[in-house]
C-alpha cells in the first residue's frame, strides 16, 4: 500500500487511539445536546463522508471499478462499515455509563483478543502469526487492565 517508518506508524496509531477517546466523549455530549445519540451518529458519518470525499478529490483517487472480482469477493470484505457504525453507536451509549477510560480499555481488549484470533488463524486474508505464550499473556494482561480501570475508587 505505502511505505512508512514503523516508529511513525506506531505514533500515528496512538494518535488515532487518542482520537477515538476524544470522539467517544464528544459524540456522547453531542448526542445529549441533540436529544438522541443517533443524531450524533448521523452527523459523525455525514461529516466523515464529506471529509473523505474531499480528501479523495484532493488526492485524485480514481473511482473504483466494480468488476466481477470486487463483487464476487469474500462476503466479509463488506462488513467493515457495519463494525465502524457499531463502534460509533456503542461509544455514544456506553461512554456515559462506564466512562471514556472504561470504554476505550474494553475496546482495546476486544480489539486485541480479536486480533490474536485473526492472526493465529490468518483470517480475513492476513498472514498467519501463531498465538504464542507471550502473546496470550499479553492478552490476559490487557483483560486485567480493563478490570483495573473499571474498579471504582472507594
N, C-alpha and C. Protein backbone atom coordinates (compact mmCIF):
# COMPACT_ATOMS: atom_id res chain seq x y z
N UNK A 1 0.84 -1.19 0.00
CA UNK A 1 0.00 0.00 0.00
C UNK A 1 0.88 1.25 0.00
N UNK A 2 1.61 1.51 1.08
CA UNK A 2 2.57 2.59 1.13
C UNK A 2 3.60 2.28 2.20
N UNK A 3 4.78 2.89 2.06
CA UNK A 3 5.86 2.66 3.00
C UNK A 3 5.83 3.74 4.08
N UNK A 4 6.04 3.33 5.33
CA UNK A 4 6.08 4.27 6.43
C UNK A 4 7.02 3.72 7.49
N UNK A 5 7.73 4.60 8.13
CA UNK A 5 8.63 4.22 9.20
C UNK A 5 7.81 3.59 10.33
N UNK A 6 8.23 2.42 10.85
CA UNK A 6 7.46 1.75 11.91
C UNK A 6 7.25 2.61 13.16
N UNK A 7 8.22 3.41 13.54
CA UNK A 7 8.06 4.28 14.72
C UNK A 7 6.97 5.33 14.44
N UNK A 8 7.00 5.91 13.25
CA UNK A 8 5.97 6.86 12.87
C UNK A 8 4.61 6.18 12.82
N UNK A 9 4.56 4.95 12.32
CA UNK A 9 3.29 4.21 12.26
C UNK A 9 2.72 4.00 13.66
N UNK A 10 3.56 3.66 14.62
CA UNK A 10 3.10 3.48 16.00
C UNK A 10 2.58 4.80 16.56
N UNK A 11 3.31 5.88 16.30
CA UNK A 11 2.87 7.19 16.79
C UNK A 11 1.54 7.60 16.18
N UNK A 12 1.37 7.37 14.88
CA UNK A 12 0.10 7.70 14.23
C UNK A 12 -1.04 6.83 14.73
N UNK A 13 -0.75 5.56 15.00
CA UNK A 13 -1.78 4.68 15.56
C UNK A 13 -2.18 5.15 16.96
N UNK A 14 -1.20 5.56 17.76
CA UNK A 14 -1.51 6.08 19.10
C UNK A 14 -2.35 7.36 18.99
N UNK A 15 -2.04 8.20 18.02
CA UNK A 15 -2.83 9.41 17.80
C UNK A 15 -4.26 9.05 17.41
N UNK A 16 -4.42 8.03 16.57
CA UNK A 16 -5.77 7.58 16.19
C UNK A 16 -6.51 7.08 17.43
N UNK A 17 -5.80 6.36 18.30
CA UNK A 17 -6.42 5.90 19.55
C UNK A 17 -6.85 7.05 20.43
N UNK A 18 -6.01 8.08 20.52
CA UNK A 18 -6.38 9.27 21.29
C UNK A 18 -7.62 9.92 20.68
N UNK A 19 -7.66 9.93 19.35
CA UNK A 19 -8.84 10.49 18.67
C UNK A 19 -10.11 9.72 19.01
N UNK A 20 -10.00 8.40 19.13
CA UNK A 20 -11.18 7.60 19.50
C UNK A 20 -11.67 7.97 20.90
N UNK A 21 -10.73 8.20 21.81
CA UNK A 21 -11.13 8.59 23.16
C UNK A 21 -11.86 9.93 23.15
N UNK A 22 -11.32 10.89 22.40
CA UNK A 22 -11.97 12.20 22.28
C UNK A 22 -13.33 12.05 21.61
N UNK A 23 -13.37 11.26 20.54
CA UNK A 23 -14.61 11.06 19.79
C UNK A 23 -15.69 10.46 20.67
N UNK A 24 -15.33 9.51 21.50
CA UNK A 24 -16.32 8.87 22.37
C UNK A 24 -16.99 9.90 23.28
N UNK A 25 -16.19 10.75 23.88
CA UNK A 25 -16.75 11.75 24.79
C UNK A 25 -17.50 12.85 24.09
N UNK A 26 -16.93 13.37 23.00
CA UNK A 26 -17.59 14.47 22.30
C UNK A 26 -18.90 14.03 21.65
N UNK A 27 -18.90 12.84 21.06
CA UNK A 27 -20.14 12.36 20.43
C UNK A 27 -21.22 12.07 21.47
N UNK A 28 -20.81 11.56 22.64
CA UNK A 28 -21.80 11.32 23.69
C UNK A 28 -22.43 12.64 24.12
N UNK A 29 -21.61 13.68 24.28
CA UNK A 29 -22.13 15.01 24.65
C UNK A 29 -23.01 15.56 23.53
N UNK A 30 -22.57 15.44 22.28
CA UNK A 30 -23.36 15.91 21.15
C UNK A 30 -24.71 15.20 21.10
N UNK A 31 -24.71 13.89 21.35
CA UNK A 31 -25.97 13.15 21.38
C UNK A 31 -26.93 13.69 22.43
N UNK A 32 -26.41 14.03 23.60
CA UNK A 32 -27.26 14.63 24.64
C UNK A 32 -27.79 15.99 24.19
N UNK A 33 -26.91 16.79 23.57
CA UNK A 33 -27.32 18.12 23.12
C UNK A 33 -28.37 18.06 22.01
N UNK A 34 -28.28 17.05 21.15
CA UNK A 34 -29.21 16.92 20.03
C UNK A 34 -30.48 16.15 20.39
N UNK A 35 -30.51 15.60 21.60
CA UNK A 35 -31.73 14.93 22.05
C UNK A 35 -31.74 13.42 21.87
N UNK A 36 -30.80 12.90 21.12
CA UNK A 36 -30.72 11.45 20.93
C UNK A 36 -29.35 11.09 20.38
N UNK A 37 -28.74 10.01 20.88
CA UNK A 37 -27.41 9.62 20.39
C UNK A 37 -27.35 9.32 18.89
N UNK A 38 -28.46 8.88 18.32
CA UNK A 38 -28.44 8.55 16.89
C UNK A 38 -28.20 9.79 16.03
N UNK A 39 -28.61 10.98 16.51
CA UNK A 39 -28.33 12.20 15.75
C UNK A 39 -26.84 12.49 15.73
N UNK A 40 -26.18 12.24 16.83
CA UNK A 40 -24.72 12.42 16.85
C UNK A 40 -24.06 11.44 15.89
N UNK A 41 -24.57 10.22 15.87
CA UNK A 41 -24.04 9.22 14.95
C UNK A 41 -24.25 9.66 13.50
N UNK A 42 -25.43 10.17 13.21
CA UNK A 42 -25.73 10.65 11.86
C UNK A 42 -24.73 11.73 11.44
N UNK A 43 -24.53 12.72 12.29
CA UNK A 43 -23.62 13.82 11.94
C UNK A 43 -22.17 13.36 11.88
N UNK A 44 -21.82 12.38 12.70
CA UNK A 44 -20.48 11.80 12.64
C UNK A 44 -20.21 11.23 11.24
N UNK A 45 -21.14 10.45 10.73
CA UNK A 45 -20.95 9.83 9.43
C UNK A 45 -21.12 10.81 8.29
N UNK A 46 -22.01 11.80 8.43
CA UNK A 46 -22.16 12.82 7.39
C UNK A 46 -20.87 13.63 7.25
N UNK A 47 -20.31 14.06 8.37
CA UNK A 47 -19.06 14.83 8.33
C UNK A 47 -17.93 13.96 7.80
N UNK A 48 -17.88 12.71 8.22
CA UNK A 48 -16.84 11.80 7.73
C UNK A 48 -16.94 11.59 6.23
N UNK A 49 -18.15 11.47 5.73
CA UNK A 49 -18.35 11.29 4.30
C UNK A 49 -17.84 12.49 3.52
N UNK A 50 -18.18 13.69 3.98
CA UNK A 50 -17.73 14.91 3.31
C UNK A 50 -16.20 15.00 3.36
N UNK A 51 -15.61 14.71 4.51
CA UNK A 51 -14.15 14.77 4.65
C UNK A 51 -13.45 13.77 3.74
N UNK A 52 -13.93 12.53 3.71
CA UNK A 52 -13.30 11.50 2.88
C UNK A 52 -13.46 11.86 1.40
N UNK A 53 -14.61 12.34 1.01
CA UNK A 53 -14.81 12.73 -0.41
C UNK A 53 -13.86 13.86 -0.79
N UNK A 54 -13.71 14.86 0.08
CA UNK A 54 -12.80 15.97 -0.20
C UNK A 54 -11.36 15.48 -0.29
N UNK A 55 -10.98 14.58 0.59
CA UNK A 55 -9.63 14.03 0.57
C UNK A 55 -9.39 13.21 -0.69
N UNK A 56 -10.38 12.41 -1.09
CA UNK A 56 -10.23 11.62 -2.32
C UNK A 56 -10.10 12.52 -3.54
N UNK A 57 -10.85 13.61 -3.55
CA UNK A 57 -10.75 14.54 -4.68
C UNK A 57 -9.39 15.23 -4.68
N UNK A 58 -8.91 15.64 -3.51
CA UNK A 58 -7.61 16.30 -3.41
C UNK A 58 -6.48 15.37 -3.83
N UNK A 59 -6.60 14.10 -3.49
CA UNK A 59 -5.58 13.11 -3.84
C UNK A 59 -5.79 12.50 -5.22
N UNK A 60 -6.90 12.87 -5.86
CA UNK A 60 -7.25 12.36 -7.19
C UNK A 60 -7.33 10.84 -7.21
N UNK A 61 -8.02 10.30 -6.22
CA UNK A 61 -8.20 8.85 -6.12
C UNK A 61 -9.21 8.44 -7.20
N UNK A 62 -8.82 7.51 -8.07
CA UNK A 62 -9.75 7.11 -9.14
C UNK A 62 -10.95 6.36 -8.58
N UNK A 63 -12.06 6.48 -9.27
CA UNK A 63 -13.27 5.76 -8.88
C UNK A 63 -13.02 4.26 -8.98
N UNK A 64 -13.63 3.49 -8.09
CA UNK A 64 -13.41 2.04 -8.14
C UNK A 64 -14.09 1.42 -9.35
N UNK A 65 -13.52 0.32 -9.78
CA UNK A 65 -14.13 -0.46 -10.86
C UNK A 65 -14.81 -1.65 -10.20
N UNK A 66 -16.12 -1.61 -10.15
CA UNK A 66 -16.86 -2.72 -9.55
C UNK A 66 -16.96 -3.85 -10.55
N UNK A 67 -15.83 -4.50 -10.72
CA UNK A 67 -15.75 -5.62 -11.65
C UNK A 67 -16.33 -6.86 -10.98
N UNK A 68 -16.37 -7.91 -11.73
CA UNK A 68 -16.86 -9.18 -11.19
C UNK A 68 -16.01 -9.61 -10.00
N UNK A 69 -14.72 -9.29 -10.02
CA UNK A 69 -13.83 -9.67 -8.92
C UNK A 69 -14.24 -8.97 -7.63
N UNK A 70 -14.51 -7.66 -7.70
CA UNK A 70 -14.88 -6.91 -6.50
C UNK A 70 -16.22 -7.37 -5.94
N UNK A 71 -17.16 -7.61 -6.81
CA UNK A 71 -18.50 -8.00 -6.37
C UNK A 71 -18.53 -9.44 -5.88
N UNK A 72 -17.72 -10.30 -6.49
CA UNK A 72 -17.77 -11.72 -6.13
C UNK A 72 -16.72 -12.09 -5.09
N UNK A 73 -16.05 -11.11 -4.50
CA UNK A 73 -15.04 -11.39 -3.47
C UNK A 73 -15.69 -11.98 -2.23
N UNK A 74 -14.87 -12.28 -1.22
CA UNK A 74 -15.42 -12.85 0.01
C UNK A 74 -16.43 -11.91 0.67
N UNK A 75 -17.46 -12.48 1.25
CA UNK A 75 -18.54 -11.69 1.85
C UNK A 75 -18.03 -10.75 2.94
N UNK A 76 -16.99 -11.16 3.66
CA UNK A 76 -16.55 -10.40 4.81
C UNK A 76 -15.85 -9.10 4.47
N UNK A 77 -15.48 -8.89 3.19
CA UNK A 77 -14.83 -7.63 2.85
C UNK A 77 -15.78 -6.44 2.96
N UNK A 78 -17.07 -6.70 2.99
CA UNK A 78 -18.06 -5.63 3.00
C UNK A 78 -18.60 -5.31 4.41
N UNK A 79 -18.11 -5.97 5.45
CA UNK A 79 -18.71 -5.75 6.78
C UNK A 79 -18.02 -4.66 7.61
N UNK A 80 -16.93 -4.10 7.09
CA UNK A 80 -16.23 -3.06 7.85
C UNK A 80 -17.11 -1.87 8.18
N UNK A 81 -17.99 -1.50 7.27
CA UNK A 81 -18.86 -0.35 7.55
C UNK A 81 -19.82 -0.64 8.69
N UNK A 82 -20.20 -1.90 8.84
CA UNK A 82 -21.09 -2.26 9.95
C UNK A 82 -20.33 -2.17 11.27
N UNK A 83 -19.10 -2.67 11.30
CA UNK A 83 -18.33 -2.61 12.55
C UNK A 83 -17.98 -1.17 12.90
N UNK A 84 -17.71 -0.34 11.90
CA UNK A 84 -17.44 1.07 12.17
C UNK A 84 -18.65 1.78 12.73
N UNK A 85 -19.82 1.50 12.17
CA UNK A 85 -21.05 2.09 12.68
C UNK A 85 -21.34 1.60 14.09
N UNK A 86 -21.11 0.32 14.33
CA UNK A 86 -21.32 -0.22 15.67
C UNK A 86 -20.43 0.48 16.68
N UNK A 87 -19.16 0.75 16.30
CA UNK A 87 -18.26 1.45 17.22
C UNK A 87 -18.85 2.79 17.63
N UNK A 88 -19.27 3.59 16.65
CA UNK A 88 -19.78 4.93 16.95
C UNK A 88 -21.01 4.84 17.85
N UNK A 89 -21.92 3.95 17.53
CA UNK A 89 -23.14 3.81 18.34
C UNK A 89 -22.82 3.30 19.74
N UNK A 90 -21.91 2.33 19.84
CA UNK A 90 -21.52 1.82 21.16
C UNK A 90 -20.84 2.90 21.99
N UNK A 91 -19.97 3.68 21.36
CA UNK A 91 -19.29 4.76 22.09
C UNK A 91 -20.29 5.77 22.63
N UNK A 92 -21.29 6.09 21.82
CA UNK A 92 -22.31 7.06 22.25
C UNK A 92 -23.09 6.56 23.46
N UNK A 93 -23.43 5.29 23.43
CA UNK A 93 -24.27 4.75 24.51
C UNK A 93 -23.50 4.28 25.72
N UNK A 94 -22.28 3.80 25.53
CA UNK A 94 -21.56 3.18 26.64
C UNK A 94 -20.59 4.11 27.36
N UNK A 95 -20.02 5.10 26.66
CA UNK A 95 -19.08 6.01 27.32
C UNK A 95 -19.69 6.73 28.52
N UNK A 96 -20.94 7.20 28.43
CA UNK A 96 -21.53 7.84 29.60
C UNK A 96 -21.76 6.86 30.77
N UNK A 97 -21.88 5.58 30.47
CA UNK A 97 -22.16 4.58 31.50
C UNK A 97 -20.89 4.12 32.20
N UNK A 98 -19.85 3.80 31.43
CA UNK A 98 -18.63 3.24 32.03
C UNK A 98 -17.44 4.19 31.94
N UNK A 99 -17.66 5.39 31.43
CA UNK A 99 -16.59 6.36 31.28
C UNK A 99 -15.79 6.10 30.02
N UNK A 100 -15.13 7.14 29.54
CA UNK A 100 -14.34 7.00 28.32
C UNK A 100 -13.17 6.04 28.56
N UNK A 101 -12.53 6.14 29.73
CA UNK A 101 -11.42 5.24 30.04
C UNK A 101 -11.85 3.79 30.04
N UNK A 102 -12.99 3.52 30.68
CA UNK A 102 -13.50 2.15 30.71
C UNK A 102 -13.90 1.66 29.33
N UNK A 103 -14.53 2.54 28.55
CA UNK A 103 -14.95 2.15 27.20
C UNK A 103 -13.74 1.85 26.32
N UNK A 104 -12.74 2.74 26.34
CA UNK A 104 -11.57 2.54 25.50
C UNK A 104 -10.78 1.32 25.95
N UNK A 105 -10.69 1.10 27.26
CA UNK A 105 -9.99 -0.10 27.75
C UNK A 105 -10.68 -1.36 27.24
N UNK A 106 -12.00 -1.40 27.34
CA UNK A 106 -12.74 -2.56 26.85
C UNK A 106 -12.62 -2.67 25.33
N UNK A 107 -12.63 -1.54 24.65
CA UNK A 107 -12.47 -1.51 23.20
C UNK A 107 -11.12 -2.11 22.80
N UNK A 108 -10.05 -1.68 23.48
CA UNK A 108 -8.72 -2.19 23.17
C UNK A 108 -8.65 -3.69 23.47
N UNK A 109 -9.26 -4.11 24.58
CA UNK A 109 -9.26 -5.55 24.91
C UNK A 109 -9.97 -6.35 23.82
N UNK A 110 -11.11 -5.87 23.38
CA UNK A 110 -11.83 -6.56 22.31
C UNK A 110 -11.03 -6.58 21.02
N UNK A 111 -10.40 -5.45 20.70
CA UNK A 111 -9.56 -5.40 19.50
C UNK A 111 -8.40 -6.38 19.61
N UNK A 112 -7.76 -6.40 20.76
CA UNK A 112 -6.58 -7.25 20.91
C UNK A 112 -6.95 -8.73 20.86
N UNK A 113 -8.01 -9.11 21.56
CA UNK A 113 -8.40 -10.52 21.56
C UNK A 113 -8.82 -10.97 20.16
N UNK A 114 -9.60 -10.13 19.48
CA UNK A 114 -10.00 -10.47 18.10
C UNK A 114 -8.77 -10.51 17.20
N UNK A 115 -7.83 -9.60 17.42
CA UNK A 115 -6.61 -9.56 16.60
C UNK A 115 -5.77 -10.82 16.79
N UNK A 116 -5.69 -11.30 18.02
CA UNK A 116 -4.93 -12.52 18.27
C UNK A 116 -5.55 -13.71 17.54
N UNK A 117 -6.88 -13.79 17.54
CA UNK A 117 -7.57 -14.87 16.83
C UNK A 117 -7.36 -14.73 15.33
N UNK A 118 -7.53 -13.49 14.82
CA UNK A 118 -7.34 -13.25 13.38
C UNK A 118 -5.91 -13.62 12.97
N UNK A 119 -4.92 -13.18 13.76
CA UNK A 119 -3.53 -13.50 13.45
C UNK A 119 -3.27 -15.01 13.49
N UNK A 120 -3.77 -15.65 14.53
CA UNK A 120 -3.49 -17.08 14.73
C UNK A 120 -4.01 -17.92 13.56
N UNK A 121 -5.19 -17.59 13.09
CA UNK A 121 -5.80 -18.39 12.01
C UNK A 121 -5.60 -17.78 10.62
N UNK A 122 -4.99 -16.59 10.55
CA UNK A 122 -4.80 -15.93 9.26
C UNK A 122 -6.12 -15.57 8.61
N UNK A 123 -7.07 -15.10 9.42
CA UNK A 123 -8.39 -14.77 8.89
C UNK A 123 -8.36 -13.48 8.08
N UNK A 124 -9.41 -13.20 7.39
CA UNK A 124 -9.64 -12.04 6.53
C UNK A 124 -8.45 -11.74 5.61
N UNK A 125 -7.82 -12.79 5.13
CA UNK A 125 -6.77 -12.66 4.13
C UNK A 125 -5.41 -12.25 4.65
N UNK A 126 -5.20 -12.25 5.96
CA UNK A 126 -3.92 -11.85 6.53
C UNK A 126 -3.02 -13.06 6.77
N UNK A 127 -1.74 -12.79 6.95
CA UNK A 127 -0.77 -13.85 7.19
C UNK A 127 -0.99 -14.47 8.57
N UNK A 128 -0.67 -15.75 8.68
CA UNK A 128 -0.77 -16.46 9.97
C UNK A 128 0.37 -16.02 10.87
N UNK A 129 0.02 -15.64 12.09
CA UNK A 129 1.00 -15.33 13.14
C UNK A 129 0.54 -16.09 14.37
N UNK A 130 1.13 -17.26 14.61
CA UNK A 130 0.64 -18.16 15.66
C UNK A 130 0.58 -17.50 17.05
N UNK A 131 -0.39 -17.94 17.82
CA UNK A 131 -0.54 -17.49 19.20
C UNK A 131 0.56 -18.14 20.03
N UNK A 132 1.41 -17.33 20.60
CA UNK A 132 2.48 -17.83 21.46
C UNK A 132 2.09 -17.58 22.91
N UNK A 133 2.84 -18.16 23.80
CA UNK A 133 2.59 -17.94 25.23
C UNK A 133 2.72 -16.45 25.57
N UNK A 134 3.72 -15.79 25.02
CA UNK A 134 3.92 -14.36 25.29
C UNK A 134 2.74 -13.54 24.78
N UNK A 135 2.25 -13.84 23.59
CA UNK A 135 1.11 -13.09 23.04
C UNK A 135 -0.16 -13.37 23.85
N UNK A 136 -0.35 -14.61 24.26
CA UNK A 136 -1.51 -14.94 25.10
C UNK A 136 -1.43 -14.22 26.43
N UNK A 137 -0.24 -14.17 27.02
CA UNK A 137 -0.06 -13.44 28.28
C UNK A 137 -0.36 -11.96 28.10
N UNK A 138 0.05 -11.40 26.97
CA UNK A 138 -0.28 -10.00 26.67
C UNK A 138 -1.78 -9.78 26.66
N UNK A 139 -2.53 -10.71 26.05
CA UNK A 139 -3.99 -10.61 26.05
C UNK A 139 -4.57 -10.67 27.45
N UNK A 140 -4.04 -11.57 28.27
CA UNK A 140 -4.50 -11.69 29.66
C UNK A 140 -4.22 -10.39 30.42
N UNK A 141 -3.05 -9.80 30.21
CA UNK A 141 -2.71 -8.55 30.88
C UNK A 141 -3.63 -7.41 30.45
N UNK A 142 -4.02 -7.39 29.19
CA UNK A 142 -4.95 -6.36 28.72
C UNK A 142 -6.30 -6.53 29.41
N UNK A 143 -6.77 -7.76 29.53
CA UNK A 143 -8.04 -8.01 30.24
C UNK A 143 -7.91 -7.57 31.70
N UNK A 144 -6.77 -7.87 32.32
CA UNK A 144 -6.54 -7.41 33.70
C UNK A 144 -6.59 -5.88 33.76
N UNK A 145 -6.02 -5.22 32.76
CA UNK A 145 -6.06 -3.76 32.70
C UNK A 145 -7.48 -3.23 32.62
N UNK A 146 -8.33 -3.89 31.85
CA UNK A 146 -9.74 -3.47 31.76
C UNK A 146 -10.39 -3.57 33.13
N UNK A 147 -10.14 -4.66 33.83
CA UNK A 147 -10.74 -4.84 35.15
C UNK A 147 -10.23 -3.79 36.13
N UNK A 148 -8.95 -3.47 36.06
CA UNK A 148 -8.38 -2.46 36.96
C UNK A 148 -8.94 -1.07 36.66
N UNK A 149 -9.10 -0.75 35.38
CA UNK A 149 -9.63 0.56 35.00
C UNK A 149 -11.10 0.69 35.41
N UNK A 150 -11.83 -0.42 35.40
CA UNK A 150 -13.26 -0.38 35.77
C UNK A 150 -13.46 -0.29 37.27
N UNK A 151 -12.42 -0.57 38.05
CA UNK A 151 -12.56 -0.51 39.51
C UNK A 151 -12.81 0.92 39.93
N UNK A 152 -13.86 1.11 40.70
CA UNK A 152 -14.21 2.46 41.16
C UNK A 152 -13.46 2.77 42.44
N UNK A 153 -12.99 4.02 42.55
CA UNK A 153 -12.29 4.38 43.79
C UNK A 153 -13.25 4.36 44.99
N UNK A 154 -12.69 4.03 46.16
CA UNK A 154 -13.53 3.98 47.37
C UNK A 154 -13.75 5.35 47.94
